[in-house]
């Protein structure tokens, strides 16, 4: 029974990490929008960097982590 509890705890922590990555990516995208609208006084290149990193962290990183942690043998 202990190994099942360990597996559930591992799955829960991985889900929380993936969710946190998505939220952080959305925050980066919102910060980039704030830069482009002159709410944050940063140069435009910083806005573009935040935008690219935010999109990558929102859409690509969770997929890569899910594939890496997958228990399916289809890889």
C-alpha atoms as a PDB file:
ATOM      1  CA  UNK A   1       0.000   0.000   0.000  1.00  0.00           C
ATOM      2  CA  UNK A   2       2.915   2.347   0.650  1.00  0.00           C
ATOM      3  CA  UNK A   3       4.122   2.304  -2.949  1.00  0.00           C
ATOM      4  CA  UNK A   4       0.667   3.360  -4.146  1.00  0.00           C
ATOM      5  CA  UNK A   5       0.700   6.295  -1.747  1.00  0.00           C
ATOM      6  CA  UNK A   6       4.174   7.233  -2.962  1.00  0.00           C
ATOM      7  CA  UNK A   7       3.017   7.083  -6.586  1.00  0.00           C
ATOM      8  CA  UNK A   8      -0.007   9.262  -5.799  1.00  0.00           C
ATOM      9  CA  UNK A   9       2.147  11.796  -3.991  1.00  0.00           C
ATOM     10  CA  UNK A  10       4.596  11.866  -6.916  1.00  0.00           C
ATOM     11  CA  UNK A  11       1.759  12.344  -9.415  1.00  0.00           C
ATOM     12  CA  UNK A  12       0.261  15.138  -7.307  1.00  0.00           C
ATOM     13  CA  UNK A  13       3.569  16.993  -7.035  1.00  0.00           C
ATOM     14  CA  UNK A  14       4.185  16.649 -10.782  1.00  0.00           C
ATOM     15  CA  UNK A  15       0.700  17.979 -11.547  1.00  0.00           C
ATOM     16  CA  UNK A  16       1.291  20.940  -9.234  1.00  0.00           C
ATOM     17  CA  UNK A  17       4.636  21.680 -10.895  1.00  0.00           C
ATOM     18  CA  UNK A  18       3.116  21.594 -14.384  1.00  0.00           C
ATOM     19  CA  UNK A  19       0.282  23.863 -13.243  1.00  0.00           C
ATOM     20  CA  UNK A  20       2.752  26.282 -11.659  1.00  0.00           C
ATOM     21  CA  UNK A  21       4.753  26.369 -14.900  1.00  0.00           C
ATOM     22  CA  UNK A  22       1.633  27.288 -16.848  1.00  0.00           C
ATOM     23  CA  UNK A  23       0.672  30.029 -14.395  1.00  0.00           C
ATOM     24  CA  UNK A  24       4.203  31.466 -14.457  1.00  0.00           C
ATOM     25  CA  UNK A  25       4.119  31.482 -18.252  1.00  0.00           C
ATOM     26  CA  UNK A  26       0.838  33.384 -18.287  1.00  0.00           C
ATOM     27  CA  UNK A  27       2.283  35.893 -15.800  1.00  0.00           C
ATOM     28  CA  UNK A  28       5.256  36.419 -18.144  1.00  0.00           C
ATOM     29  CA  UNK A  29       2.910  36.999 -21.078  1.00  0.00           C
ATOM     30  CA  UNK A  30       0.928  39.533 -19.036  1.00  0.00           C
ATOM     31  CA  UNK A  31       4.171  41.270 -18.052  1.00  0.00           C
ATOM     32  CA  UNK A  32       5.140  41.461 -21.725  1.00  0.00           C
ATOM     33  CA  UNK A  33       1.786  43.054 -22.529  1.00  0.00           C
ATOM     34  CA  UNK A  34       2.399  45.546 -19.716  1.00  0.00           C
ATOM     35  CA  UNK A  35       5.794  46.384 -21.233  1.00  0.00           C
ATOM     36  CA  UNK A  36       4.258  46.968 -24.662  1.00  0.00           C
ATOM     37  CA  UNK A  37       1.575  49.235 -23.159  1.00  0.00           C
ATOM     38  CA  UNK A  38       4.201  51.245 -21.199  1.00  0.00           C
ATOM     39  CA  UNK A  39       2.820  50.134 -17.842  1.00  0.00           C
ATOM     40  CA  UNK A  40       6.237  48.665 -17.016  1.00  0.00           C
ATOM     41  CA  UNK A  41       9.142  50.901 -17.958  1.00  0.00           C
ATOM     42  CA  UNK A  42      11.324  48.325 -19.655  1.00  0.00           C
ATOM     43  CA  UNK A  43      12.741  48.366 -23.180  1.00  0.00           C
ATOM     44  CA  UNK A  44      10.752  46.706 -25.949  1.00  0.00           C
ATOM     45  CA  UNK A  45      13.305  43.917 -26.340  1.00  0.00           C
ATOM     46  CA  UNK A  46      12.590  42.877 -22.736  1.00  0.00           C
ATOM     47  CA  UNK A  47       8.903  42.626 -23.636  1.00  0.00           C
ATOM     48  CA  UNK A  48       9.706  40.383 -26.567  1.00  0.00           C
ATOM     49  CA  UNK A  49      11.929  38.186 -24.389  1.00  0.00           C
ATOM     50  CA  UNK A  50       9.179  37.908 -21.773  1.00  0.00           C
ATOM     51  CA  UNK A  51       6.637  37.080 -24.464  1.00  0.00           C
ATOM     52  CA  UNK A  52       8.718  34.318 -26.046  1.00  0.00           C
ATOM     53  CA  UNK A  53       9.671  32.803 -22.694  1.00  0.00           C
ATOM     54  CA  UNK A  54       6.083  33.009 -21.481  1.00  0.00           C
ATOM     55  CA  UNK A  55       4.699  31.246 -24.547  1.00  0.00           C
ATOM     56  CA  UNK A  56       7.395  28.575 -24.277  1.00  0.00           C
ATOM     57  CA  UNK A  57       6.733  28.055 -20.565  1.00  0.00           C
ATOM     58  CA  UNK A  58       2.957  27.982 -21.018  1.00  0.00           C
ATOM     59  CA  UNK A  59       2.686  25.618 -23.972  1.00  0.00           C
ATOM     60  CA  UNK A  60       5.944  23.729 -24.599  1.00  0.00           C
ATOM     61  CA  UNK A  61       7.432  23.018 -21.174  1.00  0.00           C
ATOM     62  CA  UNK A  62       4.353  21.261 -19.678  1.00  0.00           C
ATOM     63  CA  UNK A  63       4.165  19.004 -22.731  1.00  0.00           C
ATOM     64  CA  UNK A  64       7.844  18.118 -22.462  1.00  0.00           C
ATOM     65  CA  UNK A  65       7.531  17.373 -18.751  1.00  0.00           C
ATOM     66  CA  UNK A  66       4.438  15.240 -19.319  1.00  0.00           C
ATOM     67  CA  UNK A  67       6.221  13.188 -21.953  1.00  0.00           C
ATOM     68  CA  UNK A  68       9.289  12.830 -19.778  1.00  0.00           C
ATOM     69  CA  UNK A  69       7.240  11.623 -16.805  1.00  0.00           C
ATOM     70  CA  UNK A  70       4.849   9.446 -18.809  1.00  0.00           C
ATOM     71  CA  UNK A  71       4.594   5.808 -17.819  1.00  0.00           C
ATOM     72  CA  UNK A  72       3.425   4.800 -21.305  1.00  0.00           C
ATOM     73  CA  UNK A  73       5.884   2.897 -23.421  1.00  0.00           C
ATOM     74  CA  UNK A  74       4.831   4.654 -26.655  1.00  0.00           C
ATOM     75  CA  UNK A  75       7.631   7.251 -26.630  1.00  0.00           C
END
